[in-house]
Amino acid sequence: MLQRSTTLRYFLDLFPGKRRFGPYRFLPVFFCIGGVMEWIMINVRIGKETFYDVYRRKQSEREYQQKVADGGTAVNEPSAK
């Protein structure tokens, strides 16, 4: 376990800015990783849908179910696409 810790510390110390920024020197890396993840979720299609297509569809279905539960809309089966 000690060997793993010293190896990890060695690689973390290779990252520049330790004296000036301390542990915050890694923030730009994680910011970029988050930006790449967001871009992938918006633009990369798996099958015919992106993550946000699924999110919008599920949100619309939840709103419809809420309206039905409140008695505002008659229940009709959605037409097949």
PDB file of N, CA and C in Angstrom:
ATOM      1  N   MET A   1       0.827  -1.193   0.000  1.00  0.00           N
ATOM      2  CA  MET A   1       0.000   0.000   0.000  1.00  0.00           C
ATOM      3  C   MET A   1       0.869   1.254   0.000  1.00  0.00           C
ATOM      4  N   LEU A   2       1.970   1.213   0.738  1.00  0.00           N
ATOM      5  CA  LEU A   2       2.865   2.355   0.801  1.00  0.00           C
ATOM      6  C   LEU A   2       3.492   2.626  -0.555  1.00  0.00           C
ATOM      7  N   GLN A   3       3.830   1.573  -1.282  1.00  0.00           N
ATOM      8  CA  GLN A   3       4.434   1.748  -2.609  1.00  0.00           C
ATOM      9  C   GLN A   3       3.452   2.447  -3.546  1.00  0.00           C
ATOM     10  N   ARG A   4       2.188   2.067  -3.501  1.00  0.00           N
ATOM     11  CA  ARG A   4       1.179   2.667  -4.368  1.00  0.00           C
ATOM     12  C   ARG A   4       1.027   4.156  -4.042  1.00  0.00           C
ATOM     13  N   SER A   5       1.049   4.493  -2.768  1.00  0.00           N
ATOM     14  CA  SER A   5       0.896   5.873  -2.345  1.00  0.00           C
ATOM     15  C   SER A   5       2.075   6.727  -2.811  1.00  0.00           C
ATOM     16  N   THR A   6       3.288   6.206  -2.700  1.00  0.00           N
ATOM     17  CA  THR A   6       4.447   6.991  -3.132  1.00  0.00           C
ATOM     18  C   THR A   6       4.475   7.135  -4.643  1.00  0.00           C
ATOM     19  N   THR A   7       4.028   6.111  -5.360  1.00  0.00           N
ATOM     20  CA  THR A   7       3.979   6.202  -6.824  1.00  0.00           C
ATOM     21  C   THR A   7       2.949   7.243  -7.249  1.00  0.00           C
ATOM     22  N   LEU A   8       1.787   7.231  -6.626  1.00  0.00           N
ATOM     23  CA  LEU A   8       0.753   8.217  -6.938  1.00  0.00           C
ATOM     24  C   LEU A   8       1.239   9.625  -6.609  1.00  0.00           C
ATOM     25  N   ARG A   9       1.851   9.788  -5.481  1.00  0.00           N
ATOM     26  CA  ARG A   9       2.384  11.096  -5.088  1.00  0.00           C
ATOM     27  C   ARG A   9       3.431  11.579  -6.089  1.00  0.00           C
ATOM     28  N   TYR A  10       4.257  10.670  -6.582  1.00  0.00           N
ATOM     29  CA  TYR A  10       5.290  11.022  -7.562  1.00  0.00           C
ATOM     30  C   TYR A  10       4.645  11.581  -8.828  1.00  0.00           C
ATOM     31  N   PHE A  11       3.609  10.897  -9.337  1.00  0.00           N
ATOM     32  CA  PHE A  11       2.963  11.358 -10.564  1.00  0.00           C
ATOM     33  C   PHE A  11       2.196  12.659 -10.339  1.00  0.00           C
ATOM     34  N   LEU A  12       1.589  12.834  -9.181  1.00  0.00           N
ATOM     35  CA  LEU A  12       0.892  14.088  -8.896  1.00  0.00           C
ATOM     36  C   LEU A  12       1.870  15.250  -8.763  1.00  0.00           C
ATOM     37  N   ASP A  13       3.045  14.973  -8.243  1.00  0.00           N
ATOM     38  CA  ASP A  13       4.055  16.022  -8.105  1.00  0.00           C
ATOM     39  C   ASP A  13       4.634  16.450  -9.447  1.00  0.00           C
ATOM     40  N   LEU A  14       4.492  15.631 -10.469  1.00  0.00           N
ATOM     41  CA  LEU A  14       4.982  16.007 -11.798  1.00  0.00           C
ATOM     42  C   LEU A  14       4.129  17.117 -12.415  1.00  0.00           C
ATOM     43  N   PHE A  15       2.892  17.257 -11.952  1.00  0.00           N
ATOM     44  CA  PHE A  15       1.988  18.279 -12.484  1.00  0.00           C
ATOM     45  C   PHE A  15       2.446  19.651 -11.990  1.00  0.00           C
ATOM     46  N   PRO A  16       2.617  20.629 -12.884  1.00  0.00           N
ATOM     47  CA  PRO A  16       3.183  21.922 -12.481  1.00  0.00           C
ATOM     48  C   PRO A  16       2.224  22.758 -11.625  1.00  0.00           C
ATOM     49  N   GLY A  17       2.792  23.728 -10.893  1.00  0.00           N
ATOM     50  CA  GLY A  17       2.003  24.687 -10.131  1.00  0.00           C
ATOM     51  C   GLY A  17       1.768  24.311  -8.690  1.00  0.00           C
ATOM     52  N   LYS A  18       2.508  23.378  -8.155  1.00  0.00           N
ATOM     53  CA  LYS A  18       2.253  22.901  -6.791  1.00  0.00           C
ATOM     54  C   LYS A  18       2.467  24.007  -5.759  1.00  0.00           C
ATOM     55  N   ARG A  19       3.539  24.769  -5.899  1.00  0.00           N
ATOM     56  CA  ARG A  19       3.850  25.789  -4.901  1.00  0.00           C
ATOM     57  C   ARG A  19       2.867  26.963  -4.956  1.00  0.00           C
ATOM     58  N   ARG A  20       2.478  27.383  -6.153  1.00  0.00           N
ATOM     59  CA  ARG A  20       1.618  28.549  -6.287  1.00  0.00           C
ATOM     60  C   ARG A  20       0.145  28.224  -6.062  1.00  0.00           C
ATOM     61  N   PHE A  21      -0.341  27.129  -6.660  1.00  0.00           N
ATOM     62  CA  PHE A  21      -1.777  26.842  -6.632  1.00  0.00           C
ATOM     63  C   PHE A  21      -2.176  25.730  -5.673  1.00  0.00           C
ATOM     64  N   GLY A  22      -1.236  24.918  -5.241  1.00  0.00           N
ATOM     65  CA  GLY A  22      -1.553  23.828  -4.319  1.00  0.00           C
ATOM     66  C   GLY A  22      -2.475  22.806  -4.961  1.00  0.00           C
ATOM     67  N   PRO A  23      -3.476  22.332  -4.232  1.00  0.00           N
ATOM     68  CA  PRO A  23      -4.366  21.311  -4.806  1.00  0.00           C
ATOM     69  C   PRO A  23      -5.279  21.866  -5.898  1.00  0.00           C
ATOM     70  N   TYR A  24      -5.396  23.188  -5.997  1.00  0.00           N
ATOM     71  CA  TYR A  24      -6.273  23.791  -7.006  1.00  0.00           C
ATOM     72  C   TYR A  24      -5.660  23.765  -8.396  1.00  0.00           C
ATOM     73  N   ARG A  25      -4.447  23.298  -8.526  1.00  0.00           N
ATOM     74  CA  ARG A  25      -3.793  23.252  -9.838  1.00  0.00           C
ATOM     75  C   ARG A  25      -4.459  22.248 -10.761  1.00  0.00           C
ATOM     76  N   PHE A  26      -5.269  21.353 -10.217  1.00  0.00           N
ATOM     77  CA  PHE A  26      -5.935  20.350 -11.039  1.00  0.00           C
ATOM     78  C   PHE A  26      -7.285  20.836 -11.580  1.00  0.00           C
ATOM     79  N   LEU A  27      -7.786  21.961 -11.113  1.00  0.00           N
ATOM     80  CA  LEU A  27      -9.103  22.445 -11.552  1.00  0.00           C
ATOM     81  C   LEU A  27      -9.233  22.603 -13.061  1.00  0.00           C
ATOM     82  N   PRO A  28      -8.264  23.184 -13.767  1.00  0.00           N
ATOM     83  CA  PRO A  28      -8.421  23.294 -15.223  1.00  0.00           C
ATOM     84  C   PRO A  28      -8.565  21.942 -15.916  1.00  0.00           C
ATOM     85  N   VAL A  29      -7.898  20.931 -15.402  1.00  0.00           N
ATOM     86  CA  VAL A  29      -8.005  19.597 -16.003  1.00  0.00           C
ATOM     87  C   VAL A  29      -9.433  19.080 -15.869  1.00  0.00           C
ATOM     88  N   PHE A  30      -9.995  19.186 -14.672  1.00  0.00           N
ATOM     89  CA  PHE A  30     -11.352  18.685 -14.462  1.00  0.00           C
ATOM     90  C   PHE A  30     -12.385  19.549 -15.172  1.00  0.00           C
ATOM     91  N   PHE A  31     -12.121  20.837 -15.312  1.00  0.00           N
ATOM     92  CA  PHE A  31     -13.007  21.707 -16.074  1.00  0.00           C
ATOM     93  C   PHE A  31     -13.060  21.258 -17.531  1.00  0.00           C
ATOM     94  N   CYS A  32     -11.903  20.945 -18.098  1.00  0.00           N
ATOM     95  CA  CYS A  32     -11.856  20.476 -19.489  1.00  0.00           C
ATOM     96  C   CYS A  32     -12.524  19.118 -19.641  1.00  0.00           C
ATOM     97  N   ILE A  33     -12.332  18.229 -18.679  1.00  0.00           N
ATOM     98  CA  ILE A  33     -12.987  16.922 -18.728  1.00  0.00           C
ATOM     99  C   ILE A  33     -14.510  17.101 -18.705  1.00  0.00           C
ATOM    100  N   GLY A  34     -15.006  18.017 -17.872  1.00  0.00           N
ATOM    101  CA  GLY A  34     -16.445  18.288 -17.818  1.00  0.00           C
ATOM    102  C   GLY A  34     -16.961  18.856 -19.126  1.00  0.00           C
ATOM    103  N   GLY A  35     -16.183  19.738 -19.745  1.00  0.00           N
ATOM    104  CA  GLY A  35     -16.584  20.300 -21.037  1.00  0.00           C
ATOM    105  C   GLY A  35     -16.650  19.243 -22.118  1.00  0.00           C
ATOM    106  N   VAL A  36     -15.695  18.346 -22.124  1.00  0.00           N
ATOM    107  CA  VAL A  36     -15.697  17.261 -23.114  1.00  0.00           C
ATOM    108  C   VAL A  36     -16.890  16.332 -22.884  1.00  0.00           C
ATOM    109  N   MET A  37     -17.179  16.014 -21.619  1.00  0.00           N
ATOM    110  CA  MET A  37     -18.343  15.172 -21.331  1.00  0.00           C
ATOM    111  C   MET A  37     -19.634  15.826 -21.801  1.00  0.00           C
ATOM    112  N   GLU A  38     -19.760  17.132 -21.561  1.00  0.00           N
ATOM    113  CA  GLU A  38     -20.961  17.851 -21.987  1.00  0.00           C
ATOM    114  C   GLU A  38     -21.088  17.834 -23.510  1.00  0.00           C
ATOM    115  N   TRP A  39     -19.974  18.056 -24.205  1.00  0.00           N
ATOM    116  CA  TRP A  39     -19.999  18.038 -25.667  1.00  0.00           C
ATOM    117  C   TRP A  39     -20.420  16.665 -26.181  1.00  0.00           C
ATOM    118  N   ILE A  40     -19.887  15.607 -25.565  1.00  0.00           N
ATOM    119  CA  ILE A  40     -20.250  14.250 -25.979  1.00  0.00           C
ATOM    120  C   ILE A  40     -21.731  13.994 -25.744  1.00  0.00           C
ATOM    121  N   MET A  41     -22.257  14.453 -24.603  1.00  0.00           N
ATOM    122  CA  MET A  41     -23.672  14.232 -24.302  1.00  0.00           C
ATOM    123  C   MET A  41     -24.578  14.959 -25.286  1.00  0.00           C
ATOM    124  N   ILE A  42     -24.136  16.089 -25.811  1.00  0.00           N
ATOM    125  CA  ILE A  42     -24.950  16.857 -26.741  1.00  0.00           C
ATOM    126  C   ILE A  42     -24.809  16.351 -28.171  1.00  0.00           C
ATOM    127  N   ASN A  43     -23.605  16.010 -28.594  1.00  0.00           N
ATOM    128  CA  ASN A  43     -23.345  15.777 -30.013  1.00  0.00           C
ATOM    129  C   ASN A  43     -23.174  14.333 -30.443  1.00  0.00           C
ATOM    130  N   VAL A  44     -22.814  13.442 -29.565  1.00  0.00           N
ATOM    131  CA  VAL A  44     -22.551  12.067 -29.965  1.00  0.00           C
ATOM    132  C   VAL A  44     -23.842  11.275 -29.901  1.00  0.00           C
ATOM    133  N   ARG A  45     -24.182  10.672 -31.014  1.00  0.00           N
ATOM    134  CA  ARG A  45     -25.412   9.879 -31.081  1.00  0.00           C
ATOM    135  C   ARG A  45     -25.094   8.413 -30.845  1.00  0.00           C
ATOM    136  N   ILE A  46     -25.866   7.798 -29.983  1.00  0.00           N
ATOM    137  CA  ILE A  46     -25.794   6.362 -29.761  1.00  0.00           C
ATOM    138  C   ILE A  46     -27.101   5.813 -30.293  1.00  0.00           C
ATOM    139  N   GLY A  47     -27.024   5.075 -31.368  1.00  0.00           N
ATOM    140  CA  GLY A  47     -28.237   4.692 -32.076  1.00  0.00           C
ATOM    141  C   GLY A  47     -28.744   5.921 -32.823  1.00  0.00           C
ATOM    142  N   LYS A  48     -29.954   6.346 -32.516  1.00  0.00           N
ATOM    143  CA  LYS A  48     -30.520   7.534 -33.156  1.00  0.00           C
ATOM    144  C   LYS A  48     -30.710   8.682 -32.179  1.00  0.00           C
ATOM    145  N   GLU A  49     -30.248   8.517 -30.946  1.00  0.00           N
ATOM    146  CA  GLU A  49     -30.526   9.518 -29.923  1.00  0.00           C
ATOM    147  C   GLU A  49     -29.268   9.972 -29.204  1.00  0.00           C
ATOM    148  N   THR A  50     -29.302  11.223 -28.766  1.00  0.00           N
ATOM    149  CA  THR A  50     -28.277  11.736 -27.869  1.00  0.00           C
ATOM    150  C   THR A  50     -28.839  11.690 -26.449  1.00  0.00           C
ATOM    151  N   PHE A  51     -28.002  11.978 -25.477  1.00  0.00           N
ATOM    152  CA  PHE A  51     -28.441  11.992 -24.091  1.00  0.00           C
ATOM    153  C   PHE A  51     -29.581  12.997 -23.899  1.00  0.00           C
ATOM    154  N   TYR A  52     -29.466  14.168 -24.516  1.00  0.00           N
ATOM    155  CA  TYR A  52     -30.480  15.200 -24.306  1.00  0.00           C
ATOM    156  C   TYR A  52     -31.784  14.879 -25.015  1.00  0.00           C
ATOM    157  N   ASP A  53     -31.747  14.120 -26.118  1.00  0.00           N
ATOM    158  CA  ASP A  53     -32.996  13.664 -26.731  1.00  0.00           C
ATOM    159  C   ASP A  53     -33.763  12.790 -25.756  1.00  0.00           C
ATOM    160  N   VAL A  54     -33.081  11.881 -25.115  1.00  0.00           N
ATOM    161  CA  VAL A  54     -33.712  10.992 -24.137  1.00  0.00           C
ATOM    162  C   VAL A  54     -34.227  11.799 -22.952  1.00  0.00           C
ATOM    163  N   TYR A  55     -33.425  12.749 -22.472  1.00  0.00           N
ATOM    164  CA  TYR A  55     -33.821  13.567 -21.325  1.00  0.00           C
ATOM    165  C   TYR A  55     -35.101  14.355 -21.637  1.00  0.00           C
ATOM    166  N   ARG A  56     -35.139  15.000 -22.813  1.00  0.00           N
ATOM    167  CA  ARG A  56     -36.335  15.783 -23.169  1.00  0.00           C
ATOM    168  C   ARG A  56     -37.561  14.894 -23.313  1.00  0.00           C
ATOM    169  N   ARG A  57     -37.404  13.719 -23.913  1.00  0.00           N
ATOM    170  CA  ARG A  57     -38.534  12.818 -24.081  1.00  0.00           C
ATOM    171  C   ARG A  57     -39.057  12.358 -22.724  1.00  0.00           C
ATOM    172  N   LYS A  58     -38.145  11.969 -21.831  1.00  0.00           N
ATOM    173  CA  LYS A  58     -38.573  11.518 -20.499  1.00  0.00           C
ATOM    174  C   LYS A  58     -39.240  12.644 -19.714  1.00  0.00           C
ATOM    175  N   GLN A  59     -38.715  13.862 -19.842  1.00  0.00           N
ATOM    176  CA  GLN A  59     -39.319  14.992 -19.152  1.00  0.00           C
ATOM    177  C   GLN A  59     -40.724  15.264 -19.685  1.00  0.00           C
ATOM    178  N   SER A  60     -40.892  15.172 -20.986  1.00  0.00           N
ATOM    179  CA  SER A  60     -42.207  15.369 -21.579  1.00  0.00           C
ATOM    180  C   SER A  60     -43.185  14.283 -21.113  1.00  0.00           C
ATOM    181  N   GLU A  61     -42.693  13.044 -21.030  1.00  0.00           N
ATOM    182  CA  GLU A  61     -43.556  11.968 -20.552  1.00  0.00           C
ATOM    183  C   GLU A  61     -43.961  12.188 -19.098  1.00  0.00           C
ATOM    184  N   ARG A  62     -43.032  12.664 -18.262  1.00  0.00           N
ATOM    185  CA  ARG A  62     -43.363  12.940 -16.859  1.00  0.00           C
ATOM    186  C   ARG A  62     -44.405  14.046 -16.741  1.00  0.00           C
ATOM    187  N   GLU A  63     -44.241  15.108 -17.545  1.00  0.00           N
ATOM    188  CA  GLU A  63     -45.221  16.195 -17.513  1.00  0.00           C
ATOM    189  C   GLU A  63     -46.590  15.711 -17.952  1.00  0.00           C
ATOM    190  N   TYR A  64     -46.633  14.866 -18.970  1.00  0.00           N
ATOM    191  CA  TYR A  64     -47.899  14.321 -19.444  1.00  0.00           C
ATOM    192  C   TYR A  64     -48.549  13.462 -18.364  1.00  0.00           C
ATOM    193  N   GLN A  65     -47.750  12.610 -17.709  1.00  0.00           N
ATOM    194  CA  GLN A  65     -48.290  11.768 -16.650  1.00  0.00           C
ATOM    195  C   GLN A  65     -48.806  12.611 -15.484  1.00  0.00           C
ATOM    196  N   GLN A  66     -48.137  13.711 -15.196  1.00  0.00           N
ATOM    197  CA  GLN A  66     -48.590  14.604 -14.124  1.00  0.00           C
ATOM    198  C   GLN A  66     -49.927  15.247 -14.493  1.00  0.00           C
ATOM    199  N   LYS A  67     -50.071  15.663 -15.748  1.00  0.00           N
ATOM    200  CA  LYS A  67     -51.346  16.240 -16.196  1.00  0.00           C
ATOM    201  C   LYS A  67     -52.463  15.216 -16.117  1.00  0.00           C
ATOM    202  N   VAL A  68     -52.166  13.975 -16.495  1.00  0.00           N
ATOM    203  CA  VAL A  68     -53.167  12.915 -16.427  1.00  0.00           C
ATOM    204  C   VAL A  68     -53.550  12.658 -14.977  1.00  0.00           C
ATOM    205  N   ALA A  69     -52.558  12.644 -14.092  1.00  0.00           N
ATOM    206  CA  ALA A  69     -52.835  12.397 -12.679  1.00  0.00           C
ATOM    207  C   ALA A  69     -53.671  13.524 -12.072  1.00  0.00           C
ATOM    208  N   ASP A  70     -53.470  14.747 -12.556  1.00  0.00           N
ATOM    209  CA  ASP A  70     -54.245  15.874 -12.056  1.00  0.00           C
ATOM    210  C   ASP A  70     -55.632  15.938 -12.675  1.00  0.00           C
ATOM    211  N   GLY A  71     -55.903  15.106 -13.682  1.00  0.00           N
ATOM    212  CA  GLY A  71     -57.213  15.068 -14.316  1.00  0.00           C
ATOM    213  C   GLY A  71     -57.378  16.112 -15.406  1.00  0.00           C
ATOM    214  N   GLY A  72     -56.292  16.701 -15.864  1.00  0.00           N
ATOM    215  CA  GLY A  72     -56.394  17.752 -16.873  1.00  0.00           C
ATOM    216  C   GLY A  72     -56.502  17.238 -18.289  1.00  0.00           C
ATOM    217  N   THR A  73     -56.115  16.013 -18.560  1.00  0.00           N
ATOM    218  CA  THR A  73     -56.102  15.499 -19.922  1.00  0.00           C
ATOM    219  C   THR A  73     -56.623  14.077 -19.912  1.00  0.00           C
ATOM    220  N   ALA A  74     -57.390  13.750 -20.956  1.00  0.00           N
ATOM    221  CA  ALA A  74     -57.842  12.379 -21.113  1.00  0.00           C
ATOM    222  C   ALA A  74     -56.670  11.517 -21.557  1.00  0.00           C
ATOM    223  N   VAL A  75     -56.650  10.276 -21.116  1.00  0.00           N
ATOM    224  CA  VAL A  75     -55.541   9.404 -21.453  1.00  0.00           C
ATOM    225  C   VAL A  75     -55.771   8.842 -22.846  1.00  0.00           C
ATOM    226  N   ASN A  76     -54.906   9.209 -23.766  1.00  0.00           N
ATOM    227  CA  ASN A  76     -54.909   8.652 -25.119  1.00  0.00           C
ATOM    228  C   ASN A  76     -53.528   8.081 -25.370  1.00  0.00           C
ATOM    229  N   GLU A  77     -53.492   6.940 -26.027  1.00  0.00           N
ATOM    230  CA  GLU A  77     -52.190   6.345 -26.341  1.00  0.00           C
ATOM    231  C   GLU A  77     -51.501   7.229 -27.390  1.00  0.00           C
ATOM    232  N   PRO A  78     -50.227   7.505 -27.203  1.00  0.00           N
ATOM    233  CA  PRO A  78     -49.503   8.308 -28.203  1.00  0.00           C
ATOM    234  C   PRO A  78     -49.353   7.519 -29.500  1.00  0.00           C
ATOM    235  N   SER A  79     -49.409   8.221 -30.603  1.00  0.00           N
ATOM    236  CA  SER A  79     -49.306   7.570 -31.886  1.00  0.00           C
ATOM    237  C   SER A  79     -47.890   7.062 -32.100  1.00  0.00           C
ATOM    238  N   ALA A  80     -47.782   5.948 -32.822  1.00  0.00           N
ATOM    239  CA  ALA A  80     -46.466   5.357 -33.102  1.00  0.00           C
ATOM    240  C   ALA A  80     -45.747   6.194 -34.133  1.00  0.00           C
ATOM    241  N   LYS A  81     -44.440   6.328 -33.952  1.00  0.00           N
ATOM    242  CA  LYS A  81     -43.648   7.130 -34.900  1.00  0.00           C
ATOM    243  C   LYS A  81     -43.135   6.262 -36.007  1.00  0.00           C
TER     244      LYS A  81
END
